[in-house]
Amino acid sequence: MTAVSRSRRSLLRSIRRLRRSEEGWVTTFTLVLLIALLGLTGFAVDVSNLMRERTLLQTTADSAAHGAMLFRRTLSEADAKNRAVTLATQNMPTAAFGNVLNTANVEFGTWNAATRVFTPQAGASEAVRVTTQRRGANGNAVPVFLLQFAGLDVWDVSAVSIFAGGPNPCFFNGIIANGIADMSSNSIFRP
């Protein structure tokens, strides 16, 4: 028997022994569990960051839409759109968040309360729809932290706000309530 065949047989015996052995299974199980736990933690951190950014986009869209409706009462459509973009930039500065709103994403039109449908219409002043965005195409997508290990680099996120004022002057004079007015983000006000 040659030295090569003896070492081959010895290697095969060692592999069979290792395969039957139950020692070290706790270490393997712990490593698998640790990897799964890190994956879940990364998902939780990145989703929390995404939700925070989505909330910031929504409040920016709300304030820009409200401002656009107020400015539209006395300004041209183009000037009201420019003012809405200025409001958005004040809420989310371009240096930190990129360009989250441009005039193309500020649309004036009509609002059908029965069907809950916004219809863009040039020159209208009844309603406005504002769409704020953080997208990879704009170069300002929301970055991920721990999920980069899973191959995900950024998330695209956007928020839409529609304000419908109509001819009611109360809309422009403040909030009128018969009792307690309880407000939170994303509140919907109806007659």
N, C-alpha and C. Protein backbone atom coordinates (compact mmCIF):
# COMPACT_ATOMS: atom_id res chain seq x y z
N MET A 1 0.85 -1.16 0.00
CA MET A 1 0.00 0.00 0.00
C MET A 1 0.90 1.24 0.00
N THR A 2 0.57 2.15 -0.87
CA THR A 2 1.39 3.35 -1.00
C THR A 2 0.97 4.39 0.04
N ALA A 3 1.84 5.36 0.20
CA ALA A 3 1.58 6.42 1.17
C ALA A 3 0.39 7.27 0.76
N VAL A 4 0.19 7.43 -0.54
CA VAL A 4 -0.94 8.22 -1.04
C VAL A 4 -2.25 7.52 -0.74
N SER A 5 -2.33 6.22 -0.97
CA SER A 5 -3.60 5.52 -0.71
C SER A 5 -3.88 5.46 0.78
N ARG A 6 -2.81 5.33 1.63
CA ARG A 6 -3.01 5.35 3.07
C ARG A 6 -3.55 6.69 3.54
N SER A 7 -3.03 7.76 3.03
CA SER A 7 -3.52 9.09 3.43
C SER A 7 -4.93 9.33 2.91
N ARG A 8 -5.25 8.77 1.73
CA ARG A 8 -6.61 8.91 1.19
C ARG A 8 -7.60 8.18 2.08
N ARG A 9 -7.25 6.93 2.50
CA ARG A 9 -8.13 6.16 3.38
C ARG A 9 -8.28 6.85 4.74
N SER A 10 -7.23 7.40 5.22
CA SER A 10 -7.26 8.11 6.50
C SER A 10 -8.18 9.34 6.40
N LEU A 11 -8.10 10.03 5.29
CA LEU A 11 -8.95 11.20 5.07
C LEU A 11 -10.42 10.80 5.00
N LEU A 12 -10.72 9.70 4.27
CA LEU A 12 -12.11 9.23 4.17
C LEU A 12 -12.65 8.82 5.53
N ARG A 13 -11.82 8.13 6.34
CA ARG A 13 -12.25 7.74 7.68
C ARG A 13 -12.54 8.96 8.54
N SER A 14 -11.71 9.99 8.43
CA SER A 14 -11.92 11.22 9.21
C SER A 14 -13.21 11.91 8.80
N ILE A 15 -13.50 11.92 7.50
CA ILE A 15 -14.74 12.54 7.02
C ILE A 15 -15.95 11.78 7.53
N ARG A 16 -15.90 10.44 7.49
CA ARG A 16 -17.03 9.63 7.99
C ARG A 16 -17.25 9.88 9.49
N ARG A 17 -16.17 9.93 10.23
CA ARG A 17 -16.25 10.17 11.67
C ARG A 17 -16.86 11.55 11.96
N LEU A 18 -16.43 12.57 11.21
CA LEU A 18 -16.93 13.93 11.39
C LEU A 18 -18.42 14.01 11.04
N ARG A 19 -18.82 13.28 10.00
CA ARG A 19 -20.22 13.28 9.58
C ARG A 19 -21.12 12.65 10.65
N ARG A 20 -20.65 11.64 11.34
CA ARG A 20 -21.45 10.96 12.38
C ARG A 20 -21.40 11.69 13.71
N SER A 21 -20.43 12.53 13.90
CA SER A 21 -20.24 13.20 15.18
C SER A 21 -21.34 14.23 15.42
N GLU A 22 -21.78 14.35 16.66
CA GLU A 22 -22.80 15.32 17.03
C GLU A 22 -22.20 16.50 17.80
N GLU A 23 -20.93 16.55 17.94
CA GLU A 23 -20.27 17.63 18.64
C GLU A 23 -20.23 18.86 17.75
N GLY A 24 -20.45 20.02 18.32
CA GLY A 24 -20.36 21.28 17.58
C GLY A 24 -21.65 21.72 16.93
N TRP A 25 -22.74 20.98 17.08
CA TRP A 25 -24.00 21.37 16.44
C TRP A 25 -24.56 22.66 17.05
N VAL A 26 -24.28 22.90 18.33
CA VAL A 26 -24.78 24.11 18.97
C VAL A 26 -24.11 25.34 18.35
N THR A 27 -22.83 25.23 18.06
CA THR A 27 -22.12 26.35 17.44
C THR A 27 -22.69 26.65 16.06
N THR A 28 -22.93 25.61 15.29
CA THR A 28 -23.51 25.79 13.95
C THR A 28 -24.90 26.40 14.05
N PHE A 29 -25.72 25.88 14.96
CA PHE A 29 -27.07 26.40 15.13
C PHE A 29 -27.04 27.87 15.56
N THR A 30 -26.12 28.21 16.46
CA THR A 30 -25.98 29.59 16.94
C THR A 30 -25.57 30.52 15.80
N LEU A 31 -24.67 30.08 14.95
CA LEU A 31 -24.26 30.91 13.81
C LEU A 31 -25.43 31.16 12.86
N VAL A 32 -26.21 30.14 12.57
CA VAL A 32 -27.36 30.29 11.69
C VAL A 32 -28.38 31.23 12.33
N LEU A 33 -28.61 31.06 13.61
CA LEU A 33 -29.55 31.93 14.33
C LEU A 33 -29.06 33.37 14.37
N LEU A 34 -27.76 33.58 14.56
CA LEU A 34 -27.18 34.92 14.57
C LEU A 34 -27.33 35.61 13.21
N ILE A 35 -27.11 34.89 12.15
CA ILE A 35 -27.27 35.46 10.81
C ILE A 35 -28.73 35.85 10.57
N ALA A 36 -29.67 35.00 10.98
CA ALA A 36 -31.09 35.33 10.83
C ALA A 36 -31.47 36.54 11.67
N LEU A 37 -30.95 36.62 12.88
CA LEU A 37 -31.24 37.74 13.77
C LEU A 37 -30.67 39.04 13.21
N LEU A 38 -29.47 39.01 12.68
CA LEU A 38 -28.89 40.20 12.06
C LEU A 38 -29.70 40.65 10.84
N GLY A 39 -30.18 39.69 10.07
CA GLY A 39 -31.02 40.03 8.92
C GLY A 39 -32.32 40.72 9.35
N LEU A 40 -32.97 40.20 10.38
CA LEU A 40 -34.20 40.81 10.88
C LEU A 40 -33.93 42.19 11.48
N THR A 41 -32.83 42.32 12.19
CA THR A 41 -32.46 43.62 12.76
C THR A 41 -32.21 44.64 11.66
N GLY A 42 -31.49 44.23 10.63
CA GLY A 42 -31.25 45.12 9.50
C GLY A 42 -32.53 45.54 8.82
N PHE A 43 -33.45 44.60 8.66
CA PHE A 43 -34.74 44.91 8.06
C PHE A 43 -35.51 45.91 8.92
N ALA A 44 -35.51 45.70 10.24
CA ALA A 44 -36.23 46.61 11.14
C ALA A 44 -35.64 48.01 11.13
N VAL A 45 -34.32 48.12 11.13
CA VAL A 45 -33.67 49.43 11.11
C VAL A 45 -33.99 50.15 9.80
N ASP A 46 -33.85 49.45 8.69
CA ASP A 46 -34.06 50.09 7.40
C ASP A 46 -35.53 50.44 7.15
N VAL A 47 -36.45 49.59 7.61
CA VAL A 47 -37.87 49.91 7.44
C VAL A 47 -38.25 51.09 8.33
N SER A 48 -37.70 51.17 9.54
CA SER A 48 -37.97 52.32 10.40
C SER A 48 -37.48 53.61 9.76
N ASN A 49 -36.30 53.57 9.16
CA ASN A 49 -35.77 54.74 8.46
C ASN A 49 -36.66 55.09 7.27
N LEU A 50 -37.12 54.09 6.54
CA LEU A 50 -38.01 54.34 5.39
C LEU A 50 -39.30 55.00 5.85
N MET A 51 -39.88 54.53 6.92
CA MET A 51 -41.13 55.10 7.42
C MET A 51 -40.93 56.54 7.91
N ARG A 52 -39.78 56.81 8.51
CA ARG A 52 -39.47 58.17 8.95
C ARG A 52 -39.37 59.10 7.74
N GLU A 53 -38.68 58.66 6.72
CA GLU A 53 -38.54 59.47 5.50
C GLU A 53 -39.89 59.64 4.81
N ARG A 54 -40.73 58.61 4.81
CA ARG A 54 -42.06 58.69 4.18
C ARG A 54 -42.92 59.70 4.93
N THR A 55 -42.85 59.71 6.24
CA THR A 55 -43.61 60.67 7.04
C THR A 55 -43.14 62.09 6.77
N LEU A 56 -41.85 62.29 6.66
CA LEU A 56 -41.30 63.61 6.35
C LEU A 56 -41.75 64.07 4.96
N LEU A 57 -41.75 63.16 3.99
CA LEU A 57 -42.25 63.50 2.65
C LEU A 57 -43.74 63.86 2.69
N GLN A 58 -44.52 63.13 3.49
CA GLN A 58 -45.96 63.40 3.57
C GLN A 58 -46.23 64.76 4.19
N THR A 59 -45.55 65.10 5.27
CA THR A 59 -45.79 66.41 5.89
C THR A 59 -45.32 67.54 4.96
N THR A 60 -44.27 67.29 4.21
CA THR A 60 -43.81 68.28 3.23
C THR A 60 -44.84 68.44 2.12
N ALA A 61 -45.39 67.35 1.63
CA ALA A 61 -46.43 67.42 0.59
C ALA A 61 -47.67 68.13 1.12
N ASP A 62 -48.05 67.85 2.36
CA ASP A 62 -49.23 68.50 2.96
C ASP A 62 -49.04 70.01 3.05
N SER A 63 -47.88 70.42 3.55
CA SER A 63 -47.66 71.87 3.70
C SER A 63 -47.55 72.56 2.34
N ALA A 64 -46.91 71.90 1.38
CA ALA A 64 -46.79 72.50 0.04
C ALA A 64 -48.16 72.60 -0.64
N ALA A 65 -49.00 71.58 -0.48
CA ALA A 65 -50.34 71.61 -1.08
C ALA A 65 -51.20 72.69 -0.44
N HIS A 66 -51.16 72.77 0.87
CA HIS A 66 -51.93 73.80 1.56
C HIS A 66 -51.47 75.19 1.14
N GLY A 67 -50.14 75.38 1.11
CA GLY A 67 -49.59 76.66 0.68
C GLY A 67 -49.97 76.99 -0.76
N ALA A 68 -49.93 76.00 -1.64
CA ALA A 68 -50.29 76.23 -3.05
C ALA A 68 -51.74 76.70 -3.17
N MET A 69 -52.63 76.09 -2.37
CA MET A 69 -54.05 76.52 -2.41
C MET A 69 -54.20 77.95 -1.91
N LEU A 70 -53.50 78.28 -0.84
CA LEU A 70 -53.59 79.64 -0.31
C LEU A 70 -53.00 80.65 -1.29
N PHE A 71 -51.85 80.36 -1.87
CA PHE A 71 -51.23 81.27 -2.82
C PHE A 71 -52.04 81.38 -4.11
N ARG A 72 -52.75 80.34 -4.47
CA ARG A 72 -53.52 80.34 -5.73
C ARG A 72 -54.68 81.33 -5.68
N ARG A 73 -55.14 81.66 -4.49
CA ARG A 73 -56.23 82.64 -4.37
C ARG A 73 -55.83 84.01 -4.90
N THR A 74 -54.54 84.37 -4.76
CA THR A 74 -54.12 85.70 -5.15
C THR A 74 -53.03 85.71 -6.23
N LEU A 75 -52.44 84.55 -6.53
CA LEU A 75 -51.35 84.49 -7.50
C LEU A 75 -51.73 83.65 -8.71
N SER A 76 -50.92 83.77 -9.76
CA SER A 76 -51.14 82.93 -10.95
C SER A 76 -50.80 81.48 -10.61
N GLU A 77 -51.20 80.59 -11.49
CA GLU A 77 -50.93 79.17 -11.27
C GLU A 77 -49.42 78.90 -11.20
N ALA A 78 -48.66 79.49 -12.09
CA ALA A 78 -47.21 79.29 -12.11
C ALA A 78 -46.55 79.82 -10.83
N ASP A 79 -46.99 81.00 -10.38
CA ASP A 79 -46.41 81.57 -9.16
C ASP A 79 -46.78 80.74 -7.93
N ALA A 80 -48.01 80.23 -7.89
CA ALA A 80 -48.42 79.39 -6.76
C ALA A 80 -47.62 78.09 -6.74
N LYS A 81 -47.34 77.53 -7.92
CA LYS A 81 -46.52 76.32 -7.98
C LYS A 81 -45.11 76.60 -7.49
N ASN A 82 -44.55 77.71 -7.91
CA ASN A 82 -43.19 78.08 -7.46
C ASN A 82 -43.13 78.27 -5.95
N ARG A 83 -44.16 78.88 -5.38
CA ARG A 83 -44.20 79.07 -3.92
C ARG A 83 -44.32 77.73 -3.19
N ALA A 84 -45.08 76.81 -3.78
CA ALA A 84 -45.22 75.47 -3.17
C ALA A 84 -43.86 74.76 -3.16
N VAL A 85 -43.11 74.88 -4.25
CA VAL A 85 -41.78 74.28 -4.31
C VAL A 85 -40.86 74.92 -3.27
N THR A 86 -40.99 76.23 -3.09
CA THR A 86 -40.19 76.93 -2.08
C THR A 86 -40.52 76.41 -0.68
N LEU A 87 -41.81 76.21 -0.40
CA LEU A 87 -42.21 75.65 0.90
C LEU A 87 -41.62 74.26 1.11
N ALA A 88 -41.66 73.44 0.09
CA ALA A 88 -41.11 72.08 0.19
C ALA A 88 -39.61 72.13 0.45
N THR A 89 -38.92 73.04 -0.21
CA THR A 89 -37.48 73.18 -0.02
C THR A 89 -37.15 73.66 1.38
N GLN A 90 -38.02 74.48 1.97
CA GLN A 90 -37.80 74.93 3.34
C GLN A 90 -37.99 73.77 4.32
N ASN A 91 -38.94 72.88 4.03
CA ASN A 91 -39.17 71.72 4.90
C ASN A 91 -38.09 70.66 4.74
N MET A 92 -37.68 70.42 3.51
CA MET A 92 -36.67 69.41 3.21
C MET A 92 -35.61 70.06 2.32
N PRO A 93 -34.59 70.67 2.92
CA PRO A 93 -33.58 71.39 2.14
C PRO A 93 -32.90 70.51 1.09
N THR A 94 -32.68 71.09 -0.07
CA THR A 94 -32.09 70.37 -1.19
C THR A 94 -30.71 69.81 -0.83
N ALA A 95 -29.94 70.53 -0.05
CA ALA A 95 -28.60 70.06 0.32
C ALA A 95 -28.65 68.73 1.07
N ALA A 96 -29.68 68.50 1.87
CA ALA A 96 -29.78 67.28 2.66
C ALA A 96 -30.61 66.19 2.00
N PHE A 97 -31.66 66.58 1.25
CA PHE A 97 -32.62 65.60 0.74
C PHE A 97 -32.69 65.55 -0.78
N GLY A 98 -31.96 66.40 -1.46
CA GLY A 98 -32.11 66.47 -2.91
C GLY A 98 -33.38 67.22 -3.27
N ASN A 99 -33.75 67.21 -4.52
CA ASN A 99 -34.94 67.90 -4.98
C ASN A 99 -36.17 67.01 -4.81
N VAL A 100 -36.98 67.26 -3.77
CA VAL A 100 -38.13 66.40 -3.49
C VAL A 100 -39.40 66.86 -4.21
N LEU A 101 -39.42 68.10 -4.72
CA LEU A 101 -40.61 68.62 -5.39
C LEU A 101 -40.19 69.59 -6.49
N ASN A 102 -40.79 69.44 -7.65
CA ASN A 102 -40.62 70.42 -8.72
C ASN A 102 -42.00 70.85 -9.20
N THR A 103 -42.05 71.89 -10.00
CA THR A 103 -43.35 72.45 -10.40
C THR A 103 -44.20 71.47 -11.21
N ALA A 104 -43.57 70.51 -11.88
CA ALA A 104 -44.35 69.52 -12.64
C ALA A 104 -45.16 68.61 -11.71
N ASN A 105 -44.75 68.49 -10.45
CA ASN A 105 -45.46 67.65 -9.49
C ASN A 105 -46.43 68.44 -8.62
N VAL A 106 -46.70 69.67 -8.99
CA VAL A 106 -47.75 70.48 -8.36
C VAL A 106 -48.80 70.69 -9.44
N GLU A 107 -49.96 70.06 -9.27
CA GLU A 107 -51.00 70.10 -10.29
C GLU A 107 -52.28 70.71 -9.72
N PHE A 108 -52.80 71.71 -10.40
CA PHE A 108 -54.10 72.26 -10.03
C PHE A 108 -55.16 71.56 -10.86
N GLY A 109 -56.36 71.46 -10.29
CA GLY A 109 -57.43 70.78 -11.00
C GLY A 109 -58.72 70.82 -10.21
N THR A 110 -59.52 69.78 -10.39
CA THR A 110 -60.82 69.69 -9.71
C THR A 110 -60.84 68.42 -8.86
N TRP A 111 -61.67 68.47 -7.83
CA TRP A 111 -61.82 67.35 -6.91
C TRP A 111 -63.29 66.96 -6.85
N ASN A 112 -63.58 65.69 -7.11
CA ASN A 112 -64.93 65.17 -7.01
C ASN A 112 -65.03 64.45 -5.67
N ALA A 113 -65.73 65.05 -4.72
CA ALA A 113 -65.82 64.48 -3.37
C ALA A 113 -66.59 63.17 -3.36
N ALA A 114 -67.55 63.01 -4.26
CA ALA A 114 -68.36 61.79 -4.29
C ALA A 114 -67.53 60.59 -4.75
N THR A 115 -66.74 60.77 -5.79
CA THR A 115 -65.93 59.67 -6.32
C THR A 115 -64.51 59.67 -5.77
N ARG A 116 -64.15 60.75 -5.08
CA ARG A 116 -62.81 60.92 -4.52
C ARG A 116 -61.74 60.84 -5.61
N VAL A 117 -61.98 61.59 -6.69
CA VAL A 117 -61.07 61.59 -7.83
C VAL A 117 -60.61 63.02 -8.10
N PHE A 118 -59.29 63.17 -8.23
CA PHE A 118 -58.69 64.44 -8.61
C PHE A 118 -58.46 64.42 -10.11
N THR A 119 -58.86 65.50 -10.79
CA THR A 119 -58.66 65.61 -12.24
C THR A 119 -57.83 66.85 -12.52
N PRO A 120 -56.60 66.69 -13.06
CA PRO A 120 -55.78 67.86 -13.38
C PRO A 120 -56.45 68.72 -14.45
N GLN A 121 -56.39 70.02 -14.26
CA GLN A 121 -57.00 70.95 -15.22
C GLN A 121 -56.24 72.26 -15.15
N ALA A 122 -55.65 72.65 -16.27
CA ALA A 122 -54.87 73.89 -16.31
C ALA A 122 -55.76 75.08 -15.98
N GLY A 123 -55.25 75.98 -15.18
CA GLY A 123 -55.97 77.19 -14.82
C GLY A 123 -56.96 77.03 -13.68
N ALA A 124 -57.15 75.84 -13.19
CA ALA A 124 -58.12 75.61 -12.10
C ALA A 124 -57.56 76.12 -10.78
N SER A 125 -58.45 76.41 -9.86
CA SER A 125 -58.03 76.85 -8.53
C SER A 125 -58.85 76.18 -7.43
N GLU A 126 -59.60 75.16 -7.79
CA GLU A 126 -60.45 74.48 -6.81
C GLU A 126 -59.68 73.48 -5.95
N ALA A 127 -58.70 72.79 -6.55
CA ALA A 127 -57.96 71.75 -5.83
C ALA A 127 -56.53 71.69 -6.34
N VAL A 128 -55.66 71.11 -5.53
CA VAL A 128 -54.26 70.94 -5.92
C VAL A 128 -53.79 69.57 -5.45
N ARG A 129 -52.94 68.95 -6.26
CA ARG A 129 -52.30 67.67 -5.90
C ARG A 129 -50.79 67.88 -5.95
N VAL A 130 -50.13 67.53 -4.85
CA VAL A 130 -48.67 67.67 -4.75
C VAL A 130 -48.08 66.29 -4.50
N THR A 131 -47.06 65.95 -5.28
CA THR A 131 -46.38 64.67 -5.12
C THR A 131 -44.91 64.92 -4.81
N THR A 132 -44.49 64.57 -3.59
CA THR A 132 -43.09 64.68 -3.21
C THR A 132 -42.43 63.32 -3.42
N GLN A 133 -41.14 63.34 -3.80
CA GLN A 133 -40.47 62.09 -4.15
C GLN A 133 -39.02 62.07 -3.72
N ARG A 134 -38.58 60.89 -3.33
CA ARG A 134 -37.15 60.59 -3.19
C ARG A 134 -36.94 59.33 -4.00
N ARG A 135 -36.31 59.48 -5.16
CA ARG A 135 -36.16 58.37 -6.10
C ARG A 135 -34.73 58.27 -6.61
N GLY A 136 -34.35 57.06 -6.96
CA GLY A 136 -33.04 56.85 -7.54
C GLY A 136 -32.85 57.62 -8.83
N ALA A 137 -33.93 57.74 -9.62
CA ALA A 137 -33.86 58.49 -10.88
C ALA A 137 -33.56 59.96 -10.64
N ASN A 138 -33.96 60.48 -9.48
CA ASN A 138 -33.69 61.88 -9.13
C ASN A 138 -32.35 62.04 -8.41
N GLY A 139 -31.74 60.92 -8.05
CA GLY A 139 -30.48 60.96 -7.33
C GLY A 139 -30.63 61.25 -5.85
N ASN A 140 -31.85 61.05 -5.31
CA ASN A 140 -32.06 61.33 -3.88
C ASN A 140 -32.86 60.23 -3.19
N ALA A 141 -32.70 58.99 -3.65
CA ALA A 141 -33.42 57.87 -3.03
C ALA A 141 -32.98 57.70 -1.58
N VAL A 142 -33.84 57.05 -0.80
CA VAL A 142 -33.55 56.80 0.62
C VAL A 142 -32.54 55.65 0.71
N PRO A 143 -31.37 55.90 1.31
CA PRO A 143 -30.36 54.84 1.40
C PRO A 143 -30.73 53.81 2.47
N VAL A 144 -30.30 52.59 2.27
CA VAL A 144 -30.47 51.55 3.29
C VAL A 144 -29.13 51.37 3.99
N PHE A 145 -29.17 50.83 5.20
CA PHE A 145 -27.96 50.67 5.98
C PHE A 145 -27.54 49.20 6.02
N LEU A 146 -28.26 48.40 6.76
CA LEU A 146 -27.85 47.01 6.97
C LEU A 146 -28.30 46.08 5.84
N LEU A 147 -29.33 46.44 5.10
CA LEU A 147 -29.80 45.57 4.02
C LEU A 147 -28.92 45.64 2.78
N GLN A 148 -27.87 46.44 2.83
CA GLN A 148 -26.92 46.45 1.72
C GLN A 148 -26.27 45.08 1.56
N PHE A 149 -26.16 44.34 2.64
CA PHE A 149 -25.58 43.00 2.57
C PHE A 149 -26.49 42.04 1.80
N ALA A 150 -27.78 42.37 1.72
CA ALA A 150 -28.72 41.55 0.96
C ALA A 150 -28.85 42.03 -0.48
N GLY A 151 -28.07 43.04 -0.85
CA GLY A 151 -28.07 43.52 -2.24
C GLY A 151 -29.00 44.69 -2.49
N LEU A 152 -29.61 45.25 -1.45
CA LEU A 152 -30.52 46.39 -1.61
C LEU A 152 -29.77 47.66 -1.21
N ASP A 153 -29.65 48.60 -2.14
CA ASP A 153 -28.88 49.82 -1.87
C ASP A 153 -29.75 51.00 -1.47
N VAL A 154 -30.87 51.20 -2.16
CA VAL A 154 -31.74 52.36 -1.92
C VAL A 154 -33.20 51.95 -2.06
N TRP A 155 -34.07 52.81 -1.50
CA TRP A 155 -35.51 52.66 -1.66
C TRP A 155 -36.07 53.92 -2.28
N ASP A 156 -36.98 53.75 -3.24
CA ASP A 156 -37.72 54.88 -3.80
C ASP A 156 -38.98 55.06 -2.95
N VAL A 157 -39.28 56.31 -2.62
CA VAL A 157 -40.47 56.59 -1.81
C VAL A 157 -41.08 57.90 -2.26
N SER A 158 -42.41 57.98 -2.19
CA SER A 158 -43.10 59.21 -2.57
C SER A 158 -44.34 59.38 -1.68
N ALA A 159 -44.87 60.59 -1.69
CA ALA A 159 -46.08 60.90 -0.91
C ALA A 159 -46.94 61.87 -1.73
N VAL A 160 -48.25 61.72 -1.62
CA VAL A 160 -49.18 62.56 -2.37
C VAL A 160 -50.12 63.24 -1.39
N SER A 161 -50.38 64.52 -1.64
CA SER A 161 -51.33 65.28 -0.84
C SER A 161 -52.26 66.03 -1.77
N ILE A 162 -53.55 65.95 -1.50
CA ILE A 162 -54.55 66.67 -2.29
C ILE A 162 -55.31 67.61 -1.36
N PHE A 163 -55.36 68.88 -1.74
CA PHE A 163 -56.14 69.87 -1.01
C PHE A 163 -57.21 70.39 -1.94
N ALA A 164 -58.42 70.39 -1.46
CA ALA A 164 -59.54 70.94 -2.23
C ALA A 164 -60.17 72.05 -1.40
N GLY A 165 -60.16 73.27 -1.94
CA GLY A 165 -60.65 74.42 -1.19
C GLY A 165 -62.05 74.82 -1.56
N GLY A 166 -62.31 74.89 -2.83
CA GLY A 166 -63.63 75.33 -3.27
C GLY A 166 -63.88 76.77 -2.89
N PRO A 167 -65.11 77.21 -3.03
CA PRO A 167 -65.43 78.61 -2.78
C PRO A 167 -65.64 78.95 -1.31
N ASN A 168 -65.62 77.98 -0.41
CA ASN A 168 -65.90 78.21 1.00
C ASN A 168 -64.78 79.05 1.63
N PRO A 169 -65.09 80.26 2.12
CA PRO A 169 -64.05 81.11 2.70
C PRO A 169 -63.52 80.58 4.02
N CYS A 170 -64.24 79.68 4.68
CA CYS A 170 -63.75 79.13 5.96
C CYS A 170 -62.44 78.38 5.77
N PHE A 171 -62.27 77.81 4.59
CA PHE A 171 -61.04 77.06 4.32
C PHE A 171 -59.82 77.97 4.46
N PHE A 172 -59.98 79.22 4.10
CA PHE A 172 -58.86 80.14 4.10
C PHE A 172 -58.78 80.97 5.37
N ASN A 173 -59.78 80.90 6.21
CA ASN A 173 -59.80 81.70 7.43
C ASN A 173 -59.43 80.91 8.67
N GLY A 174 -59.11 79.65 8.52
CA GLY A 174 -58.74 78.83 9.65
C GLY A 174 -59.68 77.66 9.78
N ILE A 175 -59.52 76.88 10.84
CA ILE A 175 -60.34 75.70 11.06
C ILE A 175 -61.46 76.08 12.01
N ILE A 176 -62.67 75.80 11.60
CA ILE A 176 -63.86 76.10 12.38
C ILE A 176 -64.41 74.78 12.92
N ALA A 177 -64.67 74.71 14.20
CA ALA A 177 -65.19 73.47 14.79
C ALA A 177 -66.35 73.79 15.72
N ASN A 178 -67.28 72.88 15.78
CA ASN A 178 -68.38 72.97 16.72
C ASN A 178 -68.10 71.95 17.81
N GLY A 179 -67.18 72.28 18.70
CA GLY A 179 -66.74 71.34 19.72
C GLY A 179 -65.22 71.26 19.72
N ILE A 180 -64.69 70.05 19.88
CA ILE A 180 -63.24 69.86 19.94
C ILE A 180 -62.71 69.52 18.55
N ALA A 181 -61.64 70.17 18.16
CA ALA A 181 -60.96 69.86 16.90
C ALA A 181 -59.72 69.05 17.24
N ASP A 182 -59.71 67.78 16.88
CA ASP A 182 -58.59 66.88 17.15
C ASP A 182 -57.90 66.59 15.83
N MET A 183 -56.62 66.98 15.70
CA MET A 183 -55.92 66.82 14.43
C MET A 183 -54.64 66.02 14.61
N SER A 184 -54.29 65.29 13.56
CA SER A 184 -53.03 64.56 13.50
C SER A 184 -52.57 64.58 12.04
N SER A 185 -51.40 64.03 11.81
CA SER A 185 -50.90 63.99 10.44
C SER A 185 -51.83 63.14 9.59
N ASN A 186 -51.99 63.53 8.35
CA ASN A 186 -52.85 62.84 7.38
C ASN A 186 -54.33 62.95 7.73
N SER A 187 -54.73 63.99 8.43
CA SER A 187 -56.14 64.19 8.74
C SER A 187 -56.91 64.51 7.46
N ILE A 188 -58.13 64.09 7.41
CA ILE A 188 -59.00 64.37 6.27
C ILE A 188 -60.13 65.24 6.79
N PHE A 189 -60.34 66.39 6.15
CA PHE A 189 -61.38 67.33 6.55
C PHE A 189 -62.47 67.33 5.50
N ARG A 190 -63.70 67.12 5.92
CA ARG A 190 -64.84 67.07 5.00
C ARG A 190 -65.95 67.95 5.56
N PRO A 191 -66.88 68.36 4.72
CA PRO A 191 -68.02 69.14 5.22
C PRO A 191 -68.81 68.36 6.26
